[in-house]
Amino acid sequence: VLVRAIVRAIVEAIVNDDSGSGPNSGE
């Protein structure tokens, strides 16, 4: 479960880094 949380955090960081594309942009 811990690894899954880390992976999710990394993916979230990558998604948030893509500002301008996606619902997470500007959050």
N, C-alpha and C. Protein backbone atom coordinates (compact mmCIF):
# COMPACT_ATOMS: atom_id res chain seq x y z
N VAL A 1 0.85 -1.20 0.00
CA VAL A 1 0.00 0.00 0.00
C VAL A 1 0.88 1.24 0.00
N LEU A 2 1.99 1.18 0.70
CA LEU A 2 2.88 2.35 0.78
C LEU A 2 3.42 2.70 -0.60
N VAL A 3 3.85 1.69 -1.33
CA VAL A 3 4.39 1.93 -2.67
C VAL A 3 3.34 2.57 -3.56
N ARG A 4 2.10 2.09 -3.42
CA ARG A 4 1.01 2.62 -4.23
C ARG A 4 0.81 4.11 -3.93
N ALA A 5 0.93 4.50 -2.67
CA ALA A 5 0.75 5.90 -2.29
C ALA A 5 1.86 6.76 -2.89
N ILE A 6 3.07 6.22 -2.88
CA ILE A 6 4.22 6.96 -3.44
C ILE A 6 4.02 7.14 -4.94
N VAL A 7 3.65 6.08 -5.62
CA VAL A 7 3.44 6.13 -7.07
C VAL A 7 2.35 7.14 -7.40
N ARG A 8 1.30 7.11 -6.61
CA ARG A 8 0.19 8.04 -6.85
C ARG A 8 0.64 9.48 -6.65
N ALA A 9 1.48 9.71 -5.66
CA ALA A 9 2.00 11.06 -5.40
C ALA A 9 2.84 11.55 -6.58
N ILE A 10 3.65 10.63 -7.11
CA ILE A 10 4.50 10.99 -8.25
C ILE A 10 3.64 11.31 -9.47
N VAL A 11 2.68 10.45 -9.74
CA VAL A 11 1.78 10.67 -10.88
C VAL A 11 1.04 11.98 -10.73
N GLU A 12 0.59 12.25 -9.51
CA GLU A 12 -0.15 13.50 -9.27
C GLU A 12 0.75 14.70 -9.53
N ALA A 13 2.01 14.60 -9.13
CA ALA A 13 2.96 15.69 -9.33
C ALA A 13 3.16 15.93 -10.83
N ILE A 14 3.24 14.83 -11.59
CA ILE A 14 3.45 14.94 -13.03
C ILE A 14 2.23 15.58 -13.69
N VAL A 15 1.05 15.15 -13.28
CA VAL A 15 -0.18 15.69 -13.85
C VAL A 15 -0.31 17.17 -13.53
N ASN A 16 0.02 17.54 -12.29
CA ASN A 16 -0.10 18.94 -11.88
C ASN A 16 0.96 19.80 -12.57
N ASP A 17 2.06 19.17 -12.98
CA ASP A 17 3.13 19.92 -13.63
C ASP A 17 2.69 20.34 -15.04
N ASP A 18 1.75 19.61 -15.61
CA ASP A 18 1.29 19.92 -16.95
C ASP A 18 0.22 21.01 -16.88
N SER A 19 0.64 22.22 -16.59
CA SER A 19 -0.30 23.33 -16.46
C SER A 19 -0.84 23.75 -17.83
N GLY A 20 -2.15 23.91 -17.92
CA GLY A 20 -2.76 24.31 -19.18
C GLY A 20 -3.50 23.17 -19.83
N SER A 21 -3.28 21.94 -19.37
CA SER A 21 -3.98 20.80 -19.94
C SER A 21 -4.44 19.88 -18.82
N GLY A 22 -5.77 19.79 -18.63
CA GLY A 22 -6.28 18.93 -17.59
C GLY A 22 -7.03 19.72 -16.53
N PRO A 23 -7.90 19.05 -15.79
CA PRO A 23 -8.72 19.71 -14.77
C PRO A 23 -7.90 20.12 -13.55
N ASN A 24 -6.70 19.53 -13.40
CA ASN A 24 -5.87 19.82 -12.24
C ASN A 24 -5.08 21.11 -12.41
N SER A 25 -5.06 21.65 -13.63
CA SER A 25 -4.25 22.84 -13.87
C SER A 25 -4.84 24.04 -13.14
N GLY A 26 -3.99 24.75 -12.42
CA GLY A 26 -4.43 25.94 -11.71
C GLY A 26 -4.91 25.63 -10.31
N GLU A 27 -4.88 24.34 -9.95
CA GLU A 27 -5.34 23.98 -8.63
C GLU A 27 -4.28 24.24 -7.58
